[in-house]
Amino acid sequence: MLPVVVVMVVLVLLTGAGLGSQLRLESAARGAARELARGEDQAVAVAAAERIGGPGTQVAVSGSGEWVRVEVTRTLDAPSGALGGASWALSADAEARLEPQLLEQGAAQGAGT
C-alpha cells in the first residue's frame, strides 16, 4: 500500500511542476510577442522569453505582414526514482499584431523605395 501512495504523491508533484512550467511558457510566449509588437529587437524578445520560461527554454520567432508569432518549448524531466528517465515536451505560442506606428513606418518605407 505504501509504494502506491508514494507513487501517487510523486505523480501529483510532477503534475504540479508540469502545470507551473506550462504557465511559465505561456507567459514567456506572450511576453516575447508583446516585445516584438512594440518594435523591440528580436534578440531582446528572445532573451525575455528565455528568462521568463526558465532554463532550457527554446524560442522560435516568425511572422508575416502585421503579425508576429512566438513559439516556446521546453522539456520537463522527471527526477530519478520510480519515474526516472521520463520526460515531457511542453510548448506554448502567442501571436501579436504590430503597433500601428510600426505599421505606418513600414508602409512609408515601402512607399519610398
N, C-alpha and C. Protein backbone atom coordinates (compact mmCIF):
# COMPACT_ATOMS: atom_id res chain seq x y z
N MET A 1 0.82 -1.19 0.00
CA MET A 1 0.00 0.00 0.00
C MET A 1 0.86 1.26 0.00
N LEU A 2 1.94 1.25 0.78
CA LEU A 2 2.81 2.42 0.88
C LEU A 2 3.46 2.79 -0.46
N PRO A 3 3.97 1.83 -1.25
CA PRO A 3 4.55 2.20 -2.54
C PRO A 3 3.54 2.89 -3.46
N VAL A 4 2.30 2.47 -3.42
CA VAL A 4 1.27 3.10 -4.25
C VAL A 4 1.06 4.54 -3.84
N VAL A 5 1.04 4.79 -2.54
CA VAL A 5 0.86 6.15 -2.03
C VAL A 5 2.04 7.02 -2.45
N VAL A 6 3.24 6.49 -2.34
CA VAL A 6 4.44 7.24 -2.72
C VAL A 6 4.39 7.60 -4.21
N VAL A 7 4.03 6.65 -5.05
CA VAL A 7 3.94 6.90 -6.49
C VAL A 7 2.87 7.96 -6.78
N MET A 8 1.75 7.88 -6.10
CA MET A 8 0.68 8.87 -6.30
C MET A 8 1.13 10.27 -5.89
N VAL A 9 1.85 10.37 -4.78
CA VAL A 9 2.36 11.67 -4.34
C VAL A 9 3.35 12.21 -5.36
N VAL A 10 4.23 11.37 -5.87
CA VAL A 10 5.19 11.80 -6.89
C VAL A 10 4.46 12.27 -8.14
N LEU A 11 3.44 11.55 -8.56
CA LEU A 11 2.66 11.96 -9.74
C LEU A 11 1.98 13.31 -9.53
N VAL A 12 1.42 13.52 -8.36
CA VAL A 12 0.78 14.81 -8.06
C VAL A 12 1.81 15.93 -8.09
N LEU A 13 2.98 15.70 -7.51
CA LEU A 13 4.02 16.72 -7.51
C LEU A 13 4.52 17.01 -8.92
N LEU A 14 4.70 15.98 -9.72
CA LEU A 14 5.15 16.18 -11.10
C LEU A 14 4.08 16.90 -11.93
N THR A 15 2.83 16.58 -11.69
CA THR A 15 1.76 17.28 -12.39
C THR A 15 1.76 18.76 -12.03
N GLY A 16 1.95 19.06 -10.76
CA GLY A 16 2.03 20.46 -10.33
C GLY A 16 3.21 21.18 -10.96
N ALA A 17 4.35 20.51 -11.00
CA ALA A 17 5.54 21.12 -11.63
C ALA A 17 5.30 21.32 -13.12
N GLY A 18 4.65 20.36 -13.75
CA GLY A 18 4.36 20.48 -15.18
C GLY A 18 3.41 21.63 -15.46
N LEU A 19 2.38 21.78 -14.63
CA LEU A 19 1.44 22.88 -14.82
C LEU A 19 2.13 24.23 -14.59
N GLY A 20 2.98 24.28 -13.58
CA GLY A 20 3.73 25.52 -13.33
C GLY A 20 4.64 25.87 -14.50
N SER A 21 5.31 24.87 -15.05
CA SER A 21 6.19 25.10 -16.20
C SER A 21 5.38 25.53 -17.43
N GLN A 22 4.22 24.92 -17.61
CA GLN A 22 3.37 25.29 -18.75
C GLN A 22 2.91 26.74 -18.63
N LEU A 23 2.53 27.16 -17.44
CA LEU A 23 2.12 28.55 -17.24
C LEU A 23 3.27 29.52 -17.50
N ARG A 24 4.48 29.13 -17.08
CA ARG A 24 5.64 29.98 -17.36
C ARG A 24 5.89 30.09 -18.85
N LEU A 25 5.72 28.99 -19.59
CA LEU A 25 5.91 29.03 -21.04
C LEU A 25 4.86 29.91 -21.70
N GLU A 26 3.62 29.83 -21.25
CA GLU A 26 2.57 30.69 -21.80
C GLU A 26 2.93 32.15 -21.59
N SER A 27 3.39 32.46 -20.39
CA SER A 27 3.81 33.83 -20.08
C SER A 27 5.00 34.26 -20.93
N ALA A 28 5.93 33.36 -21.13
CA ALA A 28 7.12 33.67 -21.93
C ALA A 28 6.74 33.98 -23.37
N ALA A 29 5.85 33.19 -23.94
CA ALA A 29 5.42 33.42 -25.33
C ALA A 29 4.70 34.76 -25.45
N ARG A 30 3.80 35.04 -24.52
CA ARG A 30 3.06 36.31 -24.56
C ARG A 30 4.00 37.50 -24.39
N GLY A 31 4.93 37.38 -23.44
CA GLY A 31 5.87 38.48 -23.20
C GLY A 31 6.74 38.78 -24.41
N ALA A 32 7.24 37.74 -25.05
CA ALA A 32 8.09 37.96 -26.24
C ALA A 32 7.27 38.53 -27.39
N ALA A 33 6.05 38.05 -27.56
CA ALA A 33 5.20 38.58 -28.64
C ALA A 33 4.90 40.06 -28.40
N ARG A 34 4.66 40.43 -27.15
CA ARG A 34 4.42 41.84 -26.82
C ARG A 34 5.63 42.69 -27.13
N GLU A 35 6.82 42.19 -26.76
CA GLU A 35 8.06 42.94 -27.05
C GLU A 35 8.20 43.19 -28.55
N LEU A 36 7.98 42.15 -29.33
CA LEU A 36 8.11 42.29 -30.79
C LEU A 36 7.05 43.23 -31.35
N ALA A 37 5.84 43.15 -30.83
CA ALA A 37 4.75 44.01 -31.31
C ALA A 37 5.04 45.48 -31.03
N ARG A 38 5.80 45.74 -29.98
CA ARG A 38 6.16 47.13 -29.64
C ARG A 38 7.37 47.62 -30.41
N GLY A 39 7.98 46.73 -31.19
CA GLY A 39 9.11 47.16 -32.01
C GLY A 39 10.47 46.83 -31.44
N GLU A 40 10.53 46.05 -30.37
CA GLU A 40 11.82 45.66 -29.81
C GLU A 40 12.55 44.73 -30.77
N ASP A 41 13.86 44.70 -30.63
CA ASP A 41 14.69 43.82 -31.44
C ASP A 41 14.37 42.36 -31.09
N GLN A 42 14.51 41.48 -32.07
CA GLN A 42 14.21 40.06 -31.85
C GLN A 42 15.06 39.46 -30.74
N ALA A 43 16.32 39.86 -30.63
CA ALA A 43 17.20 39.33 -29.58
C ALA A 43 16.68 39.70 -28.19
N VAL A 44 16.13 40.88 -28.04
CA VAL A 44 15.57 41.31 -26.75
C VAL A 44 14.35 40.46 -26.41
N ALA A 45 13.49 40.21 -27.40
CA ALA A 45 12.29 39.40 -27.17
C ALA A 45 12.65 37.97 -26.83
N VAL A 46 13.62 37.41 -27.52
CA VAL A 46 14.05 36.03 -27.24
C VAL A 46 14.64 35.94 -25.84
N ALA A 47 15.46 36.92 -25.46
CA ALA A 47 16.05 36.92 -24.11
C ALA A 47 14.96 37.01 -23.05
N ALA A 48 13.93 37.80 -23.28
CA ALA A 48 12.82 37.90 -22.33
C ALA A 48 12.10 36.57 -22.20
N ALA A 49 11.85 35.90 -23.31
CA ALA A 49 11.17 34.61 -23.28
C ALA A 49 12.00 33.57 -22.54
N GLU A 50 13.30 33.56 -22.78
CA GLU A 50 14.18 32.60 -22.10
C GLU A 50 14.24 32.87 -20.60
N ARG A 51 14.23 34.14 -20.23
CA ARG A 51 14.27 34.50 -18.81
C ARG A 51 12.97 34.08 -18.12
N ILE A 52 11.84 34.36 -18.74
CA ILE A 52 10.54 34.03 -18.14
C ILE A 52 10.30 32.53 -18.16
N GLY A 53 10.67 31.87 -19.27
CA GLY A 53 10.41 30.44 -19.42
C GLY A 53 11.29 29.56 -18.57
N GLY A 54 12.43 30.05 -18.19
CA GLY A 54 13.34 29.27 -17.34
C GLY A 54 14.40 28.55 -18.14
N PRO A 55 15.28 27.85 -17.45
CA PRO A 55 16.39 27.15 -18.10
C PRO A 55 15.89 26.11 -19.11
N GLY A 56 16.55 26.06 -20.25
CA GLY A 56 16.20 25.08 -21.27
C GLY A 56 15.08 25.51 -22.21
N THR A 57 14.61 26.74 -22.07
CA THR A 57 13.55 27.23 -22.94
C THR A 57 14.12 27.56 -24.31
N GLN A 58 13.47 27.05 -25.34
CA GLN A 58 13.86 27.34 -26.72
C GLN A 58 12.78 28.21 -27.35
N VAL A 59 13.21 29.20 -28.13
CA VAL A 59 12.29 30.19 -28.67
C VAL A 59 12.42 30.24 -30.18
N ALA A 60 11.27 30.25 -30.86
CA ALA A 60 11.23 30.42 -32.32
C ALA A 60 10.32 31.60 -32.63
N VAL A 61 10.81 32.51 -33.46
CA VAL A 61 10.05 33.71 -33.83
C VAL A 61 9.76 33.66 -35.32
N SER A 62 8.53 33.98 -35.68
CA SER A 62 8.16 34.08 -37.09
C SER A 62 7.10 35.16 -37.21
N GLY A 63 6.71 35.42 -38.41
CA GLY A 63 5.66 36.41 -38.62
C GLY A 63 5.60 36.81 -40.07
N SER A 64 4.46 37.36 -40.40
CA SER A 64 4.30 37.87 -41.76
C SER A 64 3.35 39.05 -41.70
N GLY A 65 3.69 40.05 -42.48
CA GLY A 65 2.84 41.24 -42.51
C GLY A 65 2.81 41.94 -41.17
N GLU A 66 1.62 42.11 -40.65
CA GLU A 66 1.46 42.88 -39.43
C GLU A 66 1.40 42.03 -38.17
N TRP A 67 1.64 40.73 -38.30
CA TRP A 67 1.57 39.82 -37.16
C TRP A 67 2.92 39.19 -36.86
N VAL A 68 3.21 39.01 -35.57
CA VAL A 68 4.39 38.26 -35.14
C VAL A 68 3.91 37.06 -34.35
N ARG A 69 4.69 35.98 -34.41
CA ARG A 69 4.34 34.75 -33.70
C ARG A 69 5.57 34.26 -32.95
N VAL A 70 5.38 33.86 -31.72
CA VAL A 70 6.45 33.33 -30.90
C VAL A 70 6.03 31.95 -30.39
N GLU A 71 6.90 30.97 -30.56
CA GLU A 71 6.66 29.64 -30.02
C GLU A 71 7.81 29.29 -29.10
N VAL A 72 7.47 28.85 -27.90
CA VAL A 72 8.48 28.45 -26.92
C VAL A 72 8.27 26.98 -26.57
N THR A 73 9.37 26.28 -26.38
CA THR A 73 9.31 24.87 -26.00
C THR A 73 10.30 24.61 -24.87
N ARG A 74 9.99 23.58 -24.12
CA ARG A 74 10.87 23.19 -23.02
C ARG A 74 10.59 21.73 -22.68
N THR A 75 11.60 21.00 -22.29
CA THR A 75 11.44 19.62 -21.89
C THR A 75 11.51 19.55 -20.37
N LEU A 76 10.52 18.90 -19.78
CA LEU A 76 10.48 18.71 -18.34
C LEU A 76 10.87 17.27 -18.05
N ASP A 77 11.95 17.09 -17.30
CA ASP A 77 12.45 15.75 -16.96
C ASP A 77 12.04 15.38 -15.55
N ALA A 78 11.61 14.12 -15.39
CA ALA A 78 11.26 13.62 -14.06
C ALA A 78 12.55 13.35 -13.29
N PRO A 79 12.51 13.58 -11.98
CA PRO A 79 13.69 13.26 -11.17
C PRO A 79 13.87 11.74 -11.11
N SER A 80 15.02 11.33 -10.63
CA SER A 80 15.27 9.88 -10.52
C SER A 80 14.27 9.26 -9.56
N GLY A 81 14.10 7.98 -9.70
CA GLY A 81 13.14 7.28 -8.85
C GLY A 81 12.21 6.45 -9.71
N ALA A 82 10.99 6.31 -9.27
CA ALA A 82 10.01 5.46 -9.97
C ALA A 82 9.78 5.93 -11.41
N LEU A 83 9.82 7.22 -11.64
CA LEU A 83 9.60 7.76 -12.99
C LEU A 83 10.88 8.29 -13.62
N GLY A 84 12.02 7.91 -13.08
CA GLY A 84 13.30 8.38 -13.59
C GLY A 84 13.43 8.11 -15.08
N GLY A 85 13.90 9.11 -15.79
CA GLY A 85 14.08 8.97 -17.23
C GLY A 85 12.89 9.45 -18.04
N ALA A 86 11.76 9.64 -17.39
CA ALA A 86 10.58 10.14 -18.11
C ALA A 86 10.75 11.63 -18.40
N SER A 87 10.22 12.07 -19.52
CA SER A 87 10.28 13.49 -19.85
C SER A 87 9.02 13.88 -20.63
N TRP A 88 8.68 15.14 -20.52
CA TRP A 88 7.53 15.67 -21.20
C TRP A 88 7.94 16.91 -21.97
N ALA A 89 7.48 16.99 -23.22
CA ALA A 89 7.74 18.17 -24.04
C ALA A 89 6.58 19.14 -23.86
N LEU A 90 6.89 20.34 -23.42
CA LEU A 90 5.89 21.38 -23.23
C LEU A 90 6.10 22.46 -24.27
N SER A 91 5.02 23.07 -24.72
CA SER A 91 5.15 24.17 -25.68
C SER A 91 4.01 25.15 -25.50
N ALA A 92 4.24 26.36 -25.94
CA ALA A 92 3.23 27.41 -25.92
C ALA A 92 3.53 28.36 -27.06
N ASP A 93 2.51 29.04 -27.54
CA ASP A 93 2.73 30.03 -28.59
C ASP A 93 1.83 31.23 -28.36
N ALA A 94 2.20 32.33 -28.97
CA ALA A 94 1.42 33.56 -28.88
C ALA A 94 1.62 34.36 -30.16
N GLU A 95 0.59 35.09 -30.52
CA GLU A 95 0.65 35.98 -31.67
C GLU A 95 0.26 37.38 -31.22
N ALA A 96 0.85 38.37 -31.87
CA ALA A 96 0.51 39.76 -31.57
C ALA A 96 0.59 40.58 -32.85
N ARG A 97 -0.25 41.58 -32.92
CA ARG A 97 -0.26 42.49 -34.07
C ARG A 97 0.71 43.63 -33.78
N LEU A 98 1.48 44.01 -34.78
CA LEU A 98 2.42 45.11 -34.61
C LEU A 98 1.66 46.39 -34.26
N GLU A 99 2.28 47.23 -33.46
CA GLU A 99 1.69 48.50 -33.07
C GLU A 99 1.45 49.36 -34.32
N PRO A 100 0.40 50.17 -34.31
CA PRO A 100 0.05 50.97 -35.50
C PRO A 100 1.19 51.83 -36.03
N GLN A 101 1.97 52.45 -35.15
CA GLN A 101 3.06 53.30 -35.62
C GLN A 101 4.10 52.50 -36.38
N LEU A 102 4.30 51.23 -36.02
CA LEU A 102 5.25 50.39 -36.75
C LEU A 102 4.70 50.03 -38.13
N LEU A 103 3.41 49.81 -38.19
CA LEU A 103 2.79 49.51 -39.49
C LEU A 103 2.87 50.72 -40.41
N GLU A 104 2.63 51.91 -39.85
CA GLU A 104 2.70 53.14 -40.65
C GLU A 104 4.12 53.39 -41.14
N GLN A 105 5.11 53.12 -40.29
CA GLN A 105 6.51 53.30 -40.68
C GLN A 105 6.87 52.33 -41.82
N GLY A 106 6.38 51.08 -41.69
CA GLY A 106 6.66 50.09 -42.73
C GLY A 106 6.02 50.48 -44.05
N ALA A 107 4.80 51.03 -44.00
CA ALA A 107 4.11 51.45 -45.23
C ALA A 107 4.83 52.64 -45.84
N ALA A 108 5.30 53.57 -44.99
CA ALA A 108 6.01 54.74 -45.50
C ALA A 108 7.34 54.34 -46.11
N GLN A 109 8.05 53.40 -45.49
CA GLN A 109 9.32 52.95 -46.03
C GLN A 109 9.10 52.19 -47.33
N GLY A 110 8.02 51.40 -47.39
CA GLY A 110 7.72 50.65 -48.62
C GLY A 110 7.35 51.58 -49.75
N ALA A 111 6.67 52.70 -49.44
CA ALA A 111 6.27 53.64 -50.48
C ALA A 111 7.45 54.44 -50.98
N GLY A 112 8.46 54.61 -50.13
CA GLY A 112 9.62 55.42 -50.51
C GLY A 112 10.64 54.66 -51.33
N THR A 113 10.52 53.34 -51.44
CA THR A 113 11.51 52.58 -52.17
C THR A 113 11.08 52.31 -53.57
